[in-house]
Protein backbone atom coordinates (compact mmCIF):
# COMPACT_ATOMS: atom_id res chain seq x y z
CA MET A 1 -24.47 -117.71 -63.41
CA PRO A 2 -22.01 -120.27 -64.75
CA PRO A 3 -21.63 -123.45 -62.73
CA LYS A 4 -19.03 -123.30 -59.97
CA ARG A 5 -15.85 -125.30 -60.28
CA LYS A 6 -15.15 -127.83 -57.56
CA ASN A 7 -12.93 -126.28 -54.88
CA SER A 8 -12.99 -122.92 -56.64
CA PRO A 9 -12.40 -119.62 -54.84
CA ASP A 10 -16.16 -119.09 -55.28
CA ASP A 11 -16.78 -121.78 -52.65
CA PHE A 12 -15.16 -119.85 -49.80
CA GLN A 13 -17.79 -118.68 -47.30
CA THR A 14 -17.73 -115.61 -45.06
CA PRO A 15 -17.20 -116.38 -41.38
CA PRO A 16 -19.54 -114.40 -39.09
CA TYR A 17 -16.69 -112.50 -37.42
CA ALA A 18 -15.88 -110.80 -40.75
CA VAL A 19 -19.30 -109.11 -40.69
CA LYS A 20 -19.00 -107.61 -37.18
CA PRO A 21 -16.94 -104.51 -38.16
CA LEU A 22 -19.59 -103.60 -40.74
CA ILE A 23 -22.62 -103.82 -38.44
CA PRO A 24 -22.32 -100.35 -36.80
CA TYR A 25 -22.60 -98.73 -40.24
CA LEU A 26 -25.78 -100.51 -41.37
CA ASN A 27 -29.17 -98.90 -40.80
CA ARG A 28 -31.30 -101.07 -38.50
CA ASP A 29 -34.42 -100.23 -40.52
CA TRP A 30 -33.01 -101.50 -43.81
CA ILE A 31 -34.04 -104.68 -45.52
CA ILE A 32 -30.70 -106.11 -46.60
CA TRP A 33 -30.31 -108.26 -49.68
CA GLU A 34 -27.57 -110.88 -49.46
CA CYS A 35 -27.47 -111.82 -53.14
CA ALA A 36 -24.72 -114.48 -53.07
CA GLU A 37 -25.87 -116.47 -50.06
CA GLY A 38 -23.72 -119.57 -50.42
CA GLN A 39 -24.14 -121.53 -47.19
CA GLY A 40 -25.69 -118.57 -45.39
CA TYR A 41 -22.97 -117.59 -42.94
CA LEU A 42 -23.06 -113.89 -43.83
CA SER A 43 -26.89 -113.78 -43.80
CA GLY A 44 -26.91 -115.61 -40.50
CA ALA A 45 -24.53 -113.10 -38.94
CA LEU A 46 -26.71 -110.20 -40.09
CA LYS A 47 -29.89 -111.88 -38.83
CA SER A 48 -28.23 -112.65 -35.49
CA ALA A 49 -27.42 -108.94 -35.21
CA GLY A 50 -31.11 -108.13 -35.64
CA PHE A 51 -31.28 -107.18 -39.32
CA LYS A 52 -34.03 -108.08 -41.77
CA VAL A 53 -32.31 -110.05 -44.55
CA ILE A 54 -33.46 -111.44 -47.87
CA SER A 55 -31.04 -114.10 -49.07
CA THR A 56 -30.72 -115.45 -52.58
CA GLY A 57 -28.19 -117.87 -53.99
CA ILE A 58 -27.69 -119.58 -57.30
CA GLU A 59 -31.46 -120.16 -57.65
CA PHE A 60 -31.72 -116.41 -58.39
CA ASP A 61 -29.29 -115.11 -60.97
CA PHE A 62 -28.21 -111.79 -59.45
CA LEU A 63 -26.48 -110.77 -62.67
CA LYS A 64 -29.52 -111.28 -64.92
CA GLY A 65 -32.54 -111.40 -62.66
CA ILE A 66 -34.72 -108.56 -61.49
CA PRO A 67 -35.78 -108.92 -57.86
CA ASN A 68 -39.52 -109.03 -57.17
CA PHE A 69 -39.01 -107.83 -53.61
CA HIS A 70 -38.12 -104.60 -51.86
CA PHE A 71 -34.64 -104.11 -50.43
CA ASP A 72 -32.79 -101.10 -49.09
CA ALA A 73 -29.16 -102.23 -49.28
CA ILE A 74 -26.93 -105.00 -50.63
CA VAL A 75 -24.42 -106.73 -48.37
CA THR A 76 -22.56 -109.67 -49.88
CA ASN A 77 -19.33 -111.51 -50.50
CA PRO A 78 -19.50 -111.89 -54.29
CA PRO A 79 -18.18 -114.99 -56.02
CA TYR A 80 -14.49 -114.32 -56.59
CA SER A 81 -14.59 -115.22 -60.30
CA LEU A 82 -17.57 -112.90 -60.87
CA LYS A 83 -16.54 -109.96 -58.70
CA ASP A 84 -16.38 -107.49 -61.61
CA GLU A 85 -19.88 -108.37 -62.75
CA PHE A 86 -21.22 -108.24 -59.18
CA ILE A 87 -19.60 -104.85 -58.57
CA GLU A 88 -21.16 -103.39 -61.70
CA LYS A 89 -24.61 -104.88 -61.05
CA ALA A 90 -24.67 -103.93 -57.34
CA PHE A 91 -23.84 -100.30 -58.11
CA SER A 92 -26.49 -100.22 -60.86
CA TYR A 93 -29.22 -100.35 -58.17
CA ASN A 94 -27.88 -97.05 -56.75
CA LYS A 95 -28.58 -98.17 -53.19
CA PRO A 96 -26.29 -98.51 -50.19
CA LEU A 97 -24.02 -101.50 -50.47
CA ALA A 98 -21.15 -103.35 -48.85
CA LEU A 99 -19.13 -105.87 -50.84
CA LEU A 100 -16.50 -108.03 -49.18
CA LEU A 101 -13.62 -107.94 -51.66
CA PRO A 102 -9.87 -108.34 -51.89
CA LEU A 103 -8.00 -105.03 -51.74
CA THR A 104 -6.89 -105.70 -55.31
CA ALA A 105 -10.50 -105.04 -56.37
CA LEU A 106 -9.55 -101.35 -56.24
CA GLU A 107 -7.38 -101.88 -59.31
CA GLY A 108 -8.57 -101.79 -62.89
CA LYS A 109 -9.82 -99.12 -65.25
CA ARG A 110 -13.41 -100.45 -65.48
CA ARG A 111 -13.78 -100.79 -61.70
CA GLN A 112 -12.29 -97.36 -61.06
CA GLU A 113 -14.73 -95.77 -63.49
CA ILE A 114 -17.59 -97.27 -61.46
CA TYR A 115 -16.06 -96.14 -58.16
CA LYS A 116 -15.56 -92.60 -59.46
CA LYS A 117 -19.11 -92.44 -60.79
CA TYR A 118 -20.84 -93.57 -57.58
CA GLY A 119 -18.30 -92.85 -54.85
CA ILE A 120 -16.93 -95.42 -52.41
CA GLN A 121 -15.72 -95.73 -48.86
CA LEU A 122 -13.52 -98.54 -47.60
CA LEU A 123 -13.66 -100.49 -44.36
CA ILE A 124 -10.26 -102.16 -44.32
CA LEU A 125 -9.81 -105.12 -41.99
CA ASN A 126 -6.67 -105.46 -39.90
CA LYS A 127 -6.26 -109.20 -40.53
CA ARG A 128 -6.83 -111.59 -43.37
CA ILE A 129 -10.05 -113.55 -43.13
CA ASN A 130 -10.02 -117.26 -42.43
CA PHE A 131 -12.73 -118.16 -44.97
CA ILE A 132 -14.82 -121.31 -44.52
CA THR A 133 -14.11 -123.94 -47.19
CA PRO A 134 -16.59 -126.50 -48.60
CA SER A 135 -15.29 -129.02 -46.04
CA GLY A 136 -16.36 -126.64 -43.26
CA LYS A 137 -12.79 -125.96 -42.23
CA GLY A 138 -11.16 -122.57 -42.25
CA SER A 139 -8.72 -121.54 -44.91
CA GLY A 140 -6.43 -118.59 -44.47
CA SER A 141 -6.79 -116.03 -47.21
CA TRP A 142 -3.84 -115.23 -49.44
CA PHE A 143 -5.05 -111.65 -49.84
CA ALA A 144 -6.03 -108.70 -47.68
CA THR A 145 -9.76 -108.01 -47.55
CA MET A 146 -12.02 -104.96 -47.25
CA TRP A 147 -15.64 -104.02 -47.19
CA LEU A 148 -16.05 -101.77 -50.22
CA THR A 149 -19.04 -99.61 -49.37
CA HIS A 150 -21.31 -97.00 -50.91
CA GLY A 151 -23.93 -95.01 -49.02
CA LEU A 152 -23.03 -96.23 -45.52
CA ASN A 153 -21.53 -92.94 -44.31
CA LEU A 154 -18.41 -94.34 -42.71
CA PRO A 155 -16.57 -91.82 -40.49
CA LYS A 156 -13.80 -91.50 -43.10
CA ASP A 157 -13.43 -92.55 -46.72
CA ILE A 158 -10.85 -95.07 -45.54
CA THR A 159 -11.72 -96.58 -42.17
CA PHE A 160 -9.70 -99.29 -40.48
CA ALA A 161 -11.41 -101.99 -38.42
CA GLU A 162 -10.30 -104.86 -36.25
CA ILE A 163 -11.56 -108.39 -36.58
């Protein structure tokens, strides 16, 4: 992956409360791969909820590498500047997944072709997420956020959740 820019949108970490609405839809027997670990907030939230999690960060290039471990699902907040590449790669494994993305990630011909091919369900959050910045402080998001999912069997294709 290319080096991150200082204070880039890629440095914004997922606060644990953003993961809570997703937890009821994850299979407790799955080994979950968090492939853009960052500072580990998302992985930590999943582990605290009792899930088995394999976490990789920049030491493993998700976009080019081939994992030498078993996993059943991908749950991650992809780097903002690489979201298209992460979407495409995550779907290529044809396993259940949940990607924390801005609602605008629904737009675009290339993305929509992927979504049509594999099928998606959305878990739309009722508030914007206060992401954790490199300083450790929260930063209000300037965009609405969703968990874009595949293979999680949400109750409806568009499900609304409170955070």
